[in-house]
C-alpha atoms as a PDB file:
ATOM      1  CA  MET A   1       0.158  -0.087  -0.002  1.00  0.00           C
ATOM      2  CA  PRO A   2       2.024   2.791  -1.384  1.00  0.00           C
ATOM      3  CA  VAL A   3       2.467   5.740   1.321  1.00  0.00           C
ATOM      4  CA  ILE A   4       1.647   9.347   0.729  1.00  0.00           C
ATOM      5  CA  ILE A   5       3.271  12.517   2.412  1.00  0.00           C
ATOM      6  CA  ASN A   6       3.436  15.892   1.793  1.00  0.00           C
ATOM      7  CA  THR A   7       1.333  15.238  -1.517  1.00  0.00           C
ATOM      8  CA  GLN A   8       4.388  12.727  -3.045  1.00  0.00           C
ATOM      9  CA  THR A   9       3.266   8.995  -2.974  1.00  0.00           C
ATOM     10  CA  TYR A  10       6.368   6.106  -1.767  1.00  0.00           C
ATOM     11  CA  TYR A  11       6.238   2.481  -2.249  1.00  0.00           C
ATOM     12  CA  ARG A  12       8.192   0.097   0.174  1.00  0.00           C
ATOM     13  CA  THR A  13      10.864  -2.544  -1.374  1.00  0.00           C
ATOM     14  CA  ALA A  14       8.445  -4.833  -1.750  1.00  0.00           C
ATOM     15  CA  GLU A  15       5.811  -2.654  -4.015  1.00  0.00           C
ATOM     16  CA  VAL A  16       8.849  -1.994  -6.043  1.00  0.00           C
ATOM     17  CA  CYS A  17       9.974  -5.433  -6.458  1.00  0.00           C
ATOM     18  CA  GLN A  18       6.874  -6.920  -7.776  1.00  0.00           C
ATOM     19  CA  MET A  19       6.229  -3.691 -10.028  1.00  0.00           C
ATOM     20  CA  VAL A  20       9.347  -4.090 -11.001  1.00  0.00           C
ATOM     21  CA  GLY A  21       9.246  -7.903 -12.023  1.00  0.00           C
ATOM     22  CA  ILE A  22      12.423  -8.815  -9.435  1.00  0.00           C
ATOM     23  CA  SER A  23      12.875  -9.925  -6.087  1.00  0.00           C
ATOM     24  CA  ARG A  24      14.440  -8.366  -2.857  1.00  0.00           C
ATOM     25  CA  ASN A  25      17.158 -10.024  -2.761  1.00  0.00           C
ATOM     26  CA  THR A  26      18.075  -8.919  -6.462  1.00  0.00           C
ATOM     27  CA  LEU A  27      17.133  -5.398  -5.595  1.00  0.00           C
ATOM     28  CA  PHE A  28      19.495  -5.105  -2.363  1.00  0.00           C
ATOM     29  CA  ARG A  29      22.368  -6.534  -4.779  1.00  0.00           C
ATOM     30  CA  TRP A  30      22.139  -3.929  -7.296  1.00  0.00           C
ATOM     31  CA  PHE A  31      22.169  -1.527  -4.534  1.00  0.00           C
ATOM     32  CA  LYS A  32      25.525  -2.962  -3.189  1.00  0.00           C
ATOM     33  CA  GLU A  33      26.953  -4.090  -6.839  1.00  0.00           C
ATOM     34  CA  GLY A  34      26.489  -0.277  -7.589  1.00  0.00           C
ATOM     35  CA  ILE A  35      23.852  -0.879 -10.466  1.00  0.00           C
ATOM     36  CA  SER A  36      21.211   0.902  -8.663  1.00  0.00           C
ATOM     37  CA  LYS A  37      20.984   3.576  -6.577  1.00  0.00           C
ATOM     38  CA  GLU A  38      19.789   2.989  -3.222  1.00  0.00           C
ATOM     39  CA  ALA A  39      16.302   4.727  -2.204  1.00  0.00           C
ATOM     40  CA  GLN A  40      16.719   8.618  -1.328  1.00  0.00           C
ATOM     41  CA  HIS A  41      13.943   8.189   1.081  1.00  0.00           C
ATOM     42  CA  ARG A  42      12.688   5.993   4.638  1.00  0.00           C
ATOM     43  CA  ASP A  43      10.237   6.244   6.727  1.00  0.00           C
ATOM     44  CA  ARG A  44      10.387   6.418  10.515  1.00  0.00           C
ATOM     45  CA  ARG A  45      11.289   2.817  10.930  1.00  0.00           C
ATOM     46  CA  GLY A  46      14.495   3.190   8.635  1.00  0.00           C
ATOM     47  CA  TRP A  47      12.389   1.384   5.300  1.00  0.00           C
ATOM     48  CA  ARG A  48      12.852   2.457   2.023  1.00  0.00           C
ATOM     49  CA  LEU A  49      10.554   4.602   0.139  1.00  0.00           C
ATOM     50  CA  PHE A  50      10.513   5.191  -3.539  1.00  0.00           C
ATOM     51  CA  THR A  51       9.374   7.226  -5.850  1.00  0.00           C
ATOM     52  CA  GLU A  52       7.608   6.346  -9.205  1.00  0.00           C
ATOM     53  CA  ASP A  53      11.047   8.006 -10.676  1.00  0.00           C
ATOM     54  CA  GLU A  54      12.883   5.979  -8.883  1.00  0.00           C
ATOM     55  CA  ILE A  55      10.712   2.705 -10.002  1.00  0.00           C
ATOM     56  CA  ASN A  56      10.240   3.802 -13.250  1.00  0.00           C
ATOM     57  CA  ARG A  57      14.964   3.756 -13.357  1.00  0.00           C
ATOM     58  CA  LEU A  58      14.412   0.017 -11.684  1.00  0.00           C
ATOM     59  CA  LYS A  59      12.216  -0.758 -14.787  1.00  0.00           C
ATOM     60  CA  MET A  60      14.190   0.855 -17.063  1.00  0.00           C
ATOM     61  CA  GLU A  61      17.253  -1.655 -15.721  1.00  0.00           C
ATOM     62  CA  VAL A  62      15.457  -4.435 -15.671  1.00  0.00           C
ATOM     63  CA  ASN A  63      14.354  -3.669 -19.189  1.00  0.00           C
ATOM     64  CA  GLN A  64      17.849  -3.506 -20.541  1.00  0.00           C
ATOM     65  CA  ILE A  65      18.747  -6.772 -18.964  1.00  0.00           C
ATOM     66  CA  ASN A  66      16.015  -8.404 -20.219  1.00  0.00           C
ATOM     67  CA  LYS A  67      17.310  -6.844 -23.860  1.00  0.00           C
ATOM     68  CA  LEU A  68      20.989  -8.189 -22.852  1.00  0.00           C
ATOM     69  CA  ASN A  69      19.618 -11.411 -22.564  1.00  0.00           C
ATOM     70  CA  ASN A  70      18.040 -12.210 -25.616  1.00  0.00           C
ATOM     71  CA  LEU A  71      20.306 -11.244 -27.211  1.00  0.00           C
ATOM     72  CA  GLY A  72      23.115 -13.790 -26.201  1.00  0.00           C
ATOM     73  CA  PRO A  73      24.042 -16.824 -27.944  1.00  0.00           C
ATOM     74  CA  ARG A  74      20.948 -18.824 -29.522  1.00  0.00           C
ATOM     75  CA  LYS A  75      20.940 -22.663 -29.059  1.00  0.00           C
ATOM     76  CA  GLY A  76      20.121 -24.797 -32.265  1.00  0.00           C
END
């Protein structure tokens, strides 16, 4: 369930992973490896909050990876 703070809508990690189509482990690995930037916002518990712009950047990353995977060597 999105969180609205000062008219800005934020999404939590589990929601983002579902929207983007990646696992939580993949998301955190991308942060660690510098593939994607950490969320810029956190709630009072320290949980990551993502804006729609951040989600769109993650979706673009997934699309790039999918394109690269489709360009790989073909069998047969």
